């Protein structure tokens, strides 16, 4: 077991996590990915090469930049904001490095 792998660490607390009250909301593909990654571990996709905390944060920050522009501050965002940004970023990152590169190139041209 790798002590640095966020998913492995979360597996230790899986029971406690499931015991927490649910917030009723539509589950996004981003949330489904995160849940699957925690419960099943790494897959074969490019995003799975990243540590889980890095993949998650990369999706959130990319989504923030897509939604609010390159100068958007990280501070002052709510949990629902971060979830929405994560969904936006995941939609790009899930398709691999070429999709990410295309997105960043497009953003740089603006």
N, C-alpha and C. Protein backbone atom coordinates (compact mmCIF):
# COMPACT_ATOMS: atom_id res chain seq x y z
N UNK A 1 0.84 -1.18 0.00
CA UNK A 1 0.00 0.00 0.00
C UNK A 1 0.89 1.25 0.00
N UNK A 2 0.61 2.16 -0.90
CA UNK A 2 1.39 3.39 -1.04
C UNK A 2 0.80 4.47 -0.15
N UNK A 3 1.54 4.90 0.86
CA UNK A 3 1.06 5.91 1.81
C UNK A 3 0.81 7.26 1.15
N UNK A 4 1.36 7.48 -0.03
CA UNK A 4 1.17 8.75 -0.73
C UNK A 4 -0.04 8.73 -1.66
N UNK A 5 -0.62 7.57 -1.90
CA UNK A 5 -1.77 7.47 -2.80
C UNK A 5 -3.03 7.83 -2.04
N UNK A 6 -3.61 8.95 -2.43
CA UNK A 6 -4.79 9.47 -1.75
C UNK A 6 -5.94 8.46 -1.75
N UNK A 7 -6.12 7.76 -2.87
CA UNK A 7 -7.20 6.78 -2.98
C UNK A 7 -7.02 5.66 -1.96
N UNK A 8 -5.79 5.19 -1.79
CA UNK A 8 -5.52 4.13 -0.83
C UNK A 8 -5.83 4.62 0.59
N UNK A 9 -5.47 5.84 0.87
CA UNK A 9 -5.74 6.40 2.19
C UNK A 9 -7.24 6.53 2.44
N UNK A 10 -7.99 6.93 1.44
CA UNK A 10 -9.44 7.05 1.60
C UNK A 10 -10.10 5.69 1.80
N UNK A 11 -9.54 4.66 1.19
CA UNK A 11 -10.11 3.33 1.36
C UNK A 11 -10.11 2.91 2.83
N UNK A 12 -9.13 3.36 3.59
CA UNK A 12 -9.07 3.05 5.02
C UNK A 12 -10.29 3.59 5.76
N UNK A 13 -10.82 4.70 5.28
CA UNK A 13 -11.93 5.38 5.97
C UNK A 13 -13.25 5.24 5.23
N UNK A 14 -13.32 4.28 4.33
CA UNK A 14 -14.49 4.11 3.48
C UNK A 14 -15.78 3.98 4.30
N UNK A 15 -15.77 3.20 5.34
CA UNK A 15 -16.97 3.01 6.18
C UNK A 15 -17.44 4.32 6.79
N UNK A 16 -16.51 5.07 7.33
CA UNK A 16 -16.86 6.36 7.94
C UNK A 16 -17.43 7.30 6.90
N UNK A 17 -16.83 7.32 5.72
CA UNK A 17 -17.31 8.20 4.65
C UNK A 17 -18.75 7.85 4.29
N UNK A 18 -19.03 6.56 4.16
CA UNK A 18 -20.38 6.14 3.81
C UNK A 18 -21.40 6.44 4.91
N UNK A 19 -20.93 6.55 6.14
CA UNK A 19 -21.83 6.86 7.26
C UNK A 19 -22.21 8.34 7.33
N UNK A 20 -21.55 9.18 6.56
CA UNK A 20 -21.84 10.62 6.59
C UNK A 20 -23.16 10.88 5.87
N UNK A 21 -23.90 11.91 6.34
CA UNK A 21 -25.19 12.21 5.70
C UNK A 21 -24.99 12.63 4.24
N UNK A 22 -25.89 12.17 3.40
CA UNK A 22 -25.82 12.51 1.98
C UNK A 22 -26.42 13.87 1.72
N UNK A 23 -25.81 14.56 0.80
CA UNK A 23 -26.38 15.81 0.29
C UNK A 23 -27.06 15.43 -1.02
N UNK A 24 -28.34 15.69 -1.11
CA UNK A 24 -29.09 15.32 -2.30
C UNK A 24 -28.72 16.22 -3.47
N UNK A 25 -28.21 15.63 -4.51
CA UNK A 25 -27.82 16.36 -5.71
C UNK A 25 -27.63 15.35 -6.83
N UNK A 26 -27.70 15.84 -8.03
CA UNK A 26 -27.40 14.99 -9.19
C UNK A 26 -25.92 14.65 -9.15
N UNK A 27 -25.60 13.40 -9.33
CA UNK A 27 -24.21 12.98 -9.34
C UNK A 27 -23.63 13.19 -10.72
N UNK A 28 -22.53 13.91 -10.77
CA UNK A 28 -21.87 14.22 -12.04
C UNK A 28 -20.92 13.09 -12.44
N UNK A 29 -20.46 13.15 -13.69
CA UNK A 29 -19.44 12.20 -14.14
C UNK A 29 -18.15 12.39 -13.35
N UNK A 30 -17.87 13.63 -12.95
CA UNK A 30 -16.69 13.92 -12.13
C UNK A 30 -16.78 13.20 -10.79
N UNK A 31 -17.92 13.32 -10.13
CA UNK A 31 -18.11 12.63 -8.86
C UNK A 31 -18.06 11.12 -9.03
N UNK A 32 -18.66 10.64 -10.11
CA UNK A 32 -18.63 9.20 -10.37
C UNK A 32 -17.19 8.72 -10.56
N UNK A 33 -16.39 9.50 -11.28
CA UNK A 33 -14.98 9.15 -11.46
C UNK A 33 -14.26 9.09 -10.11
N UNK A 34 -14.44 10.14 -9.30
CA UNK A 34 -13.76 10.18 -8.01
C UNK A 34 -14.17 9.01 -7.13
N UNK A 35 -15.46 8.71 -7.09
CA UNK A 35 -15.96 7.60 -6.29
C UNK A 35 -15.38 6.28 -6.78
N UNK A 36 -15.40 6.06 -8.08
CA UNK A 36 -14.87 4.83 -8.65
C UNK A 36 -13.38 4.71 -8.38
N UNK A 37 -12.68 5.80 -8.47
CA UNK A 37 -11.23 5.79 -8.22
C UNK A 37 -10.93 5.41 -6.78
N UNK A 38 -11.72 5.95 -5.84
CA UNK A 38 -11.52 5.62 -4.43
C UNK A 38 -11.82 4.15 -4.18
N UNK A 39 -12.93 3.68 -4.71
CA UNK A 39 -13.37 2.32 -4.42
C UNK A 39 -12.63 1.25 -5.21
N UNK A 40 -12.22 1.58 -6.44
CA UNK A 40 -11.63 0.57 -7.31
C UNK A 40 -10.15 0.78 -7.61
N UNK A 41 -9.63 1.95 -7.27
CA UNK A 41 -8.22 2.22 -7.55
C UNK A 41 -8.02 2.76 -8.95
N UNK A 42 -6.78 2.80 -9.36
CA UNK A 42 -6.41 3.37 -10.65
C UNK A 42 -6.89 2.49 -11.80
N UNK A 43 -7.27 3.17 -12.88
CA UNK A 43 -7.63 2.48 -14.11
C UNK A 43 -6.49 2.61 -15.11
N UNK A 44 -6.83 2.49 -16.38
CA UNK A 44 -5.82 2.52 -17.44
C UNK A 44 -5.77 3.84 -18.19
N UNK A 45 -6.64 4.80 -17.83
CA UNK A 45 -6.68 6.05 -18.57
C UNK A 45 -5.56 6.99 -18.12
N UNK A 46 -5.29 7.98 -18.95
CA UNK A 46 -4.24 8.95 -18.66
C UNK A 46 -4.46 9.63 -17.32
N UNK A 47 -5.67 10.04 -17.02
CA UNK A 47 -5.97 10.72 -15.76
C UNK A 47 -5.62 9.84 -14.55
N UNK A 48 -5.70 8.53 -14.73
CA UNK A 48 -5.42 7.61 -13.63
C UNK A 48 -3.94 7.51 -13.30
N UNK A 49 -3.09 8.05 -14.14
CA UNK A 49 -1.66 8.07 -13.84
C UNK A 49 -1.34 9.10 -12.75
N UNK A 50 -2.26 10.06 -12.59
CA UNK A 50 -2.07 11.11 -11.58
C UNK A 50 -2.54 10.60 -10.23
N UNK A 51 -1.93 11.10 -9.16
CA UNK A 51 -2.46 10.82 -7.83
C UNK A 51 -3.88 11.38 -7.79
N UNK A 52 -4.76 10.78 -7.02
CA UNK A 52 -6.16 11.19 -7.01
C UNK A 52 -6.33 12.65 -6.61
N UNK A 53 -5.61 13.09 -5.58
CA UNK A 53 -5.75 14.49 -5.17
C UNK A 53 -5.26 15.45 -6.25
N UNK A 54 -4.26 15.06 -7.02
CA UNK A 54 -3.76 15.89 -8.11
C UNK A 54 -4.77 15.92 -9.25
N UNK A 55 -5.32 14.77 -9.61
CA UNK A 55 -6.31 14.70 -10.69
C UNK A 55 -7.54 15.54 -10.33
N UNK A 56 -8.01 15.40 -9.11
CA UNK A 56 -9.19 16.14 -8.67
C UNK A 56 -8.95 17.64 -8.71
N UNK A 57 -7.84 18.07 -8.14
CA UNK A 57 -7.55 19.51 -8.09
C UNK A 57 -7.28 20.07 -9.49
N UNK A 58 -6.63 19.30 -10.34
CA UNK A 58 -6.39 19.75 -11.70
C UNK A 58 -7.72 20.01 -12.42
N UNK A 59 -8.68 19.12 -12.25
CA UNK A 59 -9.99 19.31 -12.86
C UNK A 59 -10.67 20.56 -12.31
N UNK A 60 -10.60 20.74 -11.00
CA UNK A 60 -11.24 21.91 -10.38
C UNK A 60 -10.62 23.22 -10.86
N UNK A 61 -9.31 23.29 -10.86
CA UNK A 61 -8.64 24.54 -11.24
C UNK A 61 -8.80 24.81 -12.73
N UNK A 62 -8.71 23.78 -13.55
CA UNK A 62 -8.95 23.98 -14.98
C UNK A 62 -10.38 24.48 -15.20
N UNK A 63 -11.34 23.88 -14.53
CA UNK A 63 -12.73 24.31 -14.66
C UNK A 63 -12.93 25.75 -14.22
N UNK A 64 -12.26 26.15 -13.15
CA UNK A 64 -12.32 27.55 -12.69
C UNK A 64 -11.80 28.47 -13.78
N UNK A 65 -10.68 28.12 -14.37
CA UNK A 65 -10.08 28.96 -15.43
C UNK A 65 -10.99 29.00 -16.66
N UNK A 66 -11.62 27.90 -16.99
CA UNK A 66 -12.56 27.87 -18.12
C UNK A 66 -13.74 28.80 -17.83
N UNK A 67 -14.27 28.70 -16.62
CA UNK A 67 -15.47 29.46 -16.26
C UNK A 67 -15.21 30.93 -15.99
N UNK A 68 -14.09 31.24 -15.35
CA UNK A 68 -13.85 32.60 -14.86
C UNK A 68 -12.65 33.31 -15.47
N UNK A 69 -11.89 32.61 -16.29
CA UNK A 69 -10.75 33.24 -16.94
C UNK A 69 -9.44 32.99 -16.23
N UNK A 70 -8.34 33.37 -16.86
CA UNK A 70 -7.00 33.03 -16.36
C UNK A 70 -6.61 33.76 -15.08
N UNK A 71 -7.25 34.85 -14.77
CA UNK A 71 -6.88 35.61 -13.57
C UNK A 71 -7.79 35.33 -12.38
N UNK A 72 -8.66 34.35 -12.49
CA UNK A 72 -9.59 34.03 -11.41
C UNK A 72 -8.83 33.57 -10.17
N UNK A 73 -9.22 34.11 -9.04
CA UNK A 73 -8.59 33.74 -7.76
C UNK A 73 -9.12 32.39 -7.27
N UNK A 74 -8.25 31.63 -6.65
CA UNK A 74 -8.65 30.36 -6.07
C UNK A 74 -9.44 30.56 -4.77
N UNK A 75 -9.09 31.59 -4.04
CA UNK A 75 -9.70 31.83 -2.73
C UNK A 75 -11.15 32.30 -2.88
N UNK A 76 -11.94 32.01 -1.85
CA UNK A 76 -13.30 32.52 -1.79
C UNK A 76 -14.32 31.71 -2.56
N UNK A 77 -13.99 30.52 -2.95
CA UNK A 77 -14.93 29.67 -3.69
C UNK A 77 -15.62 28.71 -2.73
N UNK A 78 -16.89 28.45 -2.99
CA UNK A 78 -17.66 27.52 -2.14
C UNK A 78 -17.47 26.08 -2.62
N UNK A 79 -17.87 25.13 -1.80
CA UNK A 79 -17.80 23.72 -2.19
C UNK A 79 -18.64 23.46 -3.44
N UNK A 80 -19.88 24.00 -3.53
CA UNK A 80 -20.63 23.79 -4.79
C UNK A 80 -19.92 24.41 -5.99
N UNK A 81 -19.26 25.56 -5.80
CA UNK A 81 -18.48 26.16 -6.89
C UNK A 81 -17.40 25.18 -7.35
N UNK A 82 -16.64 24.64 -6.39
CA UNK A 82 -15.55 23.73 -6.75
C UNK A 82 -16.07 22.49 -7.46
N UNK A 83 -17.24 22.00 -7.03
CA UNK A 83 -17.80 20.83 -7.68
C UNK A 83 -18.15 21.16 -9.14
N UNK A 84 -18.76 22.32 -9.34
CA UNK A 84 -19.10 22.74 -10.71
C UNK A 84 -17.85 22.93 -11.56
N UNK A 85 -16.82 23.53 -10.99
CA UNK A 85 -15.56 23.70 -11.73
C UNK A 85 -14.92 22.35 -12.02
N UNK A 86 -15.00 21.44 -11.06
CA UNK A 86 -14.46 20.10 -11.27
C UNK A 86 -15.13 19.39 -12.44
N UNK A 87 -16.44 19.56 -12.55
CA UNK A 87 -17.18 18.97 -13.67
C UNK A 87 -16.68 19.53 -15.00
N UNK A 88 -16.53 20.85 -15.06
CA UNK A 88 -16.03 21.49 -16.29
C UNK A 88 -14.64 20.98 -16.66
N UNK A 89 -13.75 20.94 -15.68
CA UNK A 89 -12.39 20.50 -15.95
C UNK A 89 -12.30 19.02 -16.29
N UNK A 90 -13.09 18.21 -15.58
CA UNK A 90 -13.07 16.77 -15.85
C UNK A 90 -13.50 16.47 -17.27
N UNK A 91 -14.44 17.24 -17.78
CA UNK A 91 -14.92 17.04 -19.14
C UNK A 91 -13.77 17.15 -20.15
N UNK A 92 -12.75 17.90 -19.82
CA UNK A 92 -11.56 18.02 -20.68
C UNK A 92 -10.51 16.98 -20.32
N UNK A 93 -10.15 16.93 -19.05
CA UNK A 93 -9.03 16.09 -18.59
C UNK A 93 -9.29 14.61 -18.84
N UNK A 94 -10.53 14.18 -18.75
CA UNK A 94 -10.85 12.76 -18.95
C UNK A 94 -10.46 12.27 -20.34
N UNK A 95 -10.38 13.20 -21.29
CA UNK A 95 -10.05 12.82 -22.67
C UNK A 95 -8.56 12.80 -22.95
N UNK A 96 -7.75 13.05 -21.95
CA UNK A 96 -6.31 12.87 -22.09
C UNK A 96 -5.51 14.12 -22.38
N UNK A 97 -4.21 13.93 -22.56
CA UNK A 97 -3.29 15.06 -22.70
C UNK A 97 -3.53 15.91 -23.95
N UNK A 98 -3.98 15.29 -25.04
CA UNK A 98 -4.23 16.08 -26.24
C UNK A 98 -5.40 17.04 -26.02
N UNK A 99 -6.46 16.56 -25.38
CA UNK A 99 -7.61 17.42 -25.09
C UNK A 99 -7.22 18.54 -24.13
N UNK A 100 -6.41 18.21 -23.15
CA UNK A 100 -5.94 19.23 -22.20
C UNK A 100 -5.08 20.27 -22.92
N UNK A 101 -4.19 19.82 -23.77
CA UNK A 101 -3.33 20.73 -24.53
C UNK A 101 -4.16 21.63 -25.44
N UNK A 102 -5.14 21.06 -26.12
CA UNK A 102 -6.03 21.86 -26.99
C UNK A 102 -6.77 22.90 -26.19
N UNK A 103 -7.27 22.53 -25.01
CA UNK A 103 -7.99 23.47 -24.16
C UNK A 103 -7.09 24.60 -23.72
N UNK A 104 -5.90 24.27 -23.26
CA UNK A 104 -4.97 25.30 -22.79
C UNK A 104 -4.54 26.23 -23.92
N UNK A 105 -4.33 25.64 -25.10
CA UNK A 105 -3.97 26.46 -26.26
C UNK A 105 -5.10 27.43 -26.61
N UNK A 106 -6.31 26.93 -26.59
CA UNK A 106 -7.46 27.76 -26.87
C UNK A 106 -7.60 28.90 -25.84
N UNK A 107 -7.39 28.56 -24.58
CA UNK A 107 -7.48 29.57 -23.52
C UNK A 107 -6.39 30.62 -23.67
N UNK A 108 -5.20 30.22 -24.11
CA UNK A 108 -4.09 31.16 -24.27
C UNK A 108 -4.33 32.14 -25.41
N UNK A 109 -5.13 31.75 -26.38
CA UNK A 109 -5.41 32.60 -27.53
C UNK A 109 -6.41 33.71 -27.21
N UNK A 110 -7.14 33.55 -26.13
CA UNK A 110 -8.18 34.53 -25.78
C UNK A 110 -7.60 35.79 -25.21
